[in-house]
Amino acid sequence: MDKEKEYKRICDKLGCKPTEINIPDFKTEDDSWENPVSKLTADEIGFLYENGYLNN
């Protein structure tokens, strides 16, 4: 597997780079916001973690 191609595919699925995801600081529970990472499979999250793509 080509790491860069897989990373680009995951970024396209997210709509941005994983490090660019801005998680709002909610003062109360807000069910209207959906975490973009929830679109990813466990394997995709593992790929990002194992290859250092979640580091700034």
N, C-alpha and C. Protein backbone atom coordinates (compact mmCIF):
# COMPACT_ATOMS: atom_id res chain seq x y z
N MET A 1 0.85 -1.18 0.00
CA MET A 1 0.00 0.00 0.00
C MET A 1 0.89 1.24 0.00
N ASP A 2 0.57 2.19 -0.84
CA ASP A 2 1.28 3.45 -0.89
C ASP A 2 0.72 4.36 0.21
N LYS A 3 1.56 4.69 1.18
CA LYS A 3 1.11 5.46 2.35
C LYS A 3 0.53 6.81 1.95
N GLU A 4 1.17 7.50 1.02
CA GLU A 4 0.71 8.84 0.64
C GLU A 4 -0.65 8.78 -0.06
N LYS A 5 -0.87 7.77 -0.89
CA LYS A 5 -2.17 7.62 -1.57
C LYS A 5 -3.26 7.33 -0.55
N GLU A 6 -2.97 6.46 0.42
CA GLU A 6 -3.94 6.13 1.45
C GLU A 6 -4.24 7.35 2.32
N TYR A 7 -3.21 8.11 2.66
CA TYR A 7 -3.40 9.32 3.45
C TYR A 7 -4.27 10.32 2.70
N LYS A 8 -4.01 10.51 1.41
CA LYS A 8 -4.81 11.44 0.60
C LYS A 8 -6.25 10.97 0.53
N ARG A 9 -6.47 9.66 0.38
CA ARG A 9 -7.84 9.13 0.32
C ARG A 9 -8.57 9.41 1.63
N ILE A 10 -7.89 9.23 2.76
CA ILE A 10 -8.51 9.48 4.07
C ILE A 10 -8.79 10.98 4.23
N CYS A 11 -7.86 11.83 3.81
CA CYS A 11 -8.08 13.28 3.88
C CYS A 11 -9.29 13.69 3.04
N ASP A 12 -9.42 13.10 1.86
CA ASP A 12 -10.57 13.40 1.01
C ASP A 12 -11.86 12.97 1.69
N LYS A 13 -11.83 11.84 2.36
CA LYS A 13 -13.02 11.35 3.08
C LYS A 13 -13.39 12.28 4.23
N LEU A 14 -12.38 12.81 4.92
CA LEU A 14 -12.61 13.73 6.04
C LEU A 14 -12.98 15.13 5.56
N GLY A 15 -12.45 15.51 4.42
CA GLY A 15 -12.65 16.87 3.93
C GLY A 15 -11.55 17.82 4.35
N CYS A 16 -10.55 17.31 5.06
CA CYS A 16 -9.40 18.11 5.50
C CYS A 16 -8.33 17.14 6.03
N LYS A 17 -7.19 17.70 6.40
CA LYS A 17 -6.15 16.89 7.05
C LYS A 17 -6.61 16.60 8.48
N PRO A 18 -6.28 15.43 9.02
CA PRO A 18 -6.71 15.10 10.38
C PRO A 18 -6.25 16.11 11.43
N THR A 19 -5.09 16.71 11.23
CA THR A 19 -4.58 17.68 12.20
C THR A 19 -5.29 19.03 12.10
N GLU A 20 -6.10 19.23 11.06
CA GLU A 20 -6.82 20.49 10.88
C GLU A 20 -8.24 20.45 11.45
N ILE A 21 -8.64 19.32 12.01
CA ILE A 21 -9.99 19.21 12.56
C ILE A 21 -10.08 20.09 13.80
N ASN A 22 -11.05 20.97 13.80
CA ASN A 22 -11.24 21.90 14.90
C ASN A 22 -12.42 21.41 15.74
N ILE A 23 -12.13 20.92 16.93
CA ILE A 23 -13.18 20.43 17.82
C ILE A 23 -13.62 21.58 18.71
N PRO A 24 -14.87 22.01 18.58
CA PRO A 24 -15.35 23.13 19.39
C PRO A 24 -15.32 22.81 20.89
N ASP A 25 -15.15 23.84 21.68
CA ASP A 25 -15.16 23.71 23.14
C ASP A 25 -16.57 24.02 23.63
N PHE A 26 -17.38 22.98 23.71
CA PHE A 26 -18.77 23.15 24.11
C PHE A 26 -18.88 23.33 25.62
N LYS A 27 -19.69 24.28 26.03
CA LYS A 27 -19.95 24.48 27.46
C LYS A 27 -21.05 23.54 27.93
N THR A 28 -21.90 23.11 26.99
CA THR A 28 -22.96 22.15 27.28
C THR A 28 -22.95 21.10 26.17
N GLU A 29 -23.70 20.06 26.35
CA GLU A 29 -23.78 19.01 25.34
C GLU A 29 -24.44 19.55 24.09
N ASP A 30 -23.87 19.23 22.92
CA ASP A 30 -24.42 19.70 21.65
C ASP A 30 -24.48 18.53 20.68
N ASP A 31 -25.66 17.99 20.48
CA ASP A 31 -25.83 16.85 19.60
C ASP A 31 -25.86 17.23 18.12
N SER A 32 -25.82 18.52 17.81
CA SER A 32 -25.88 18.93 16.41
C SER A 32 -24.52 18.85 15.72
N TRP A 33 -23.42 18.78 16.50
CA TRP A 33 -22.09 18.71 15.91
C TRP A 33 -21.68 17.25 15.75
N GLU A 34 -21.21 16.90 14.55
CA GLU A 34 -20.76 15.54 14.29
C GLU A 34 -19.25 15.54 14.10
N ASN A 35 -18.58 14.71 14.84
CA ASN A 35 -17.14 14.58 14.74
C ASN A 35 -16.79 13.97 13.38
N PRO A 36 -15.98 14.65 12.55
CA PRO A 36 -15.65 14.12 11.23
C PRO A 36 -14.89 12.79 11.30
N VAL A 37 -14.20 12.54 12.38
CA VAL A 37 -13.44 11.29 12.52
C VAL A 37 -14.39 10.09 12.59
N SER A 38 -15.64 10.32 12.98
CA SER A 38 -16.59 9.22 13.07
C SER A 38 -16.90 8.62 11.69
N LYS A 39 -16.49 9.31 10.62
CA LYS A 39 -16.66 8.79 9.26
C LYS A 39 -15.64 7.70 8.93
N LEU A 40 -14.57 7.65 9.71
CA LEU A 40 -13.47 6.72 9.43
C LEU A 40 -13.70 5.36 10.08
N THR A 41 -13.12 4.35 9.45
CA THR A 41 -13.16 3.01 10.03
C THR A 41 -12.03 2.89 11.06
N ALA A 42 -12.09 1.85 11.85
CA ALA A 42 -11.04 1.60 12.83
C ALA A 42 -9.69 1.39 12.14
N ASP A 43 -9.69 0.74 10.99
CA ASP A 43 -8.45 0.53 10.24
C ASP A 43 -7.86 1.85 9.75
N GLU A 44 -8.72 2.76 9.29
CA GLU A 44 -8.25 4.06 8.82
C GLU A 44 -7.67 4.88 9.97
N ILE A 45 -8.32 4.86 11.13
CA ILE A 45 -7.80 5.57 12.30
C ILE A 45 -6.47 4.94 12.73
N GLY A 46 -6.40 3.63 12.72
CA GLY A 46 -5.16 2.93 13.05
C GLY A 46 -4.03 3.30 12.10
N PHE A 47 -4.33 3.40 10.81
CA PHE A 47 -3.34 3.79 9.81
C PHE A 47 -2.79 5.18 10.13
N LEU A 48 -3.67 6.12 10.44
CA LEU A 48 -3.24 7.48 10.75
C LEU A 48 -2.36 7.50 12.00
N TYR A 49 -2.77 6.75 13.01
CA TYR A 49 -2.03 6.71 14.27
C TYR A 49 -0.65 6.05 14.08
N GLU A 50 -0.66 4.88 13.46
CA GLU A 50 0.59 4.11 13.31
C GLU A 50 1.61 4.79 12.41
N ASN A 51 1.16 5.63 11.50
CA ASN A 51 2.08 6.29 10.58
C ASN A 51 2.38 7.75 10.97
N GLY A 52 1.95 8.16 12.15
CA GLY A 52 2.29 9.48 12.68
C GLY A 52 1.53 10.64 12.08
N TYR A 53 0.44 10.38 11.37
CA TYR A 53 -0.32 11.46 10.75
C TYR A 53 -1.19 12.23 11.72
N LEU A 54 -1.31 11.78 12.95
CA LEU A 54 -2.11 12.50 13.94
C LEU A 54 -1.27 13.46 14.77
N ASN A 55 0.03 13.48 14.51
CA ASN A 55 0.92 14.41 15.21
C ASN A 55 0.93 15.74 14.47
N ASN A 56 1.04 16.81 15.23
CA ASN A 56 1.12 18.16 14.61
C ASN A 56 2.50 18.39 14.05
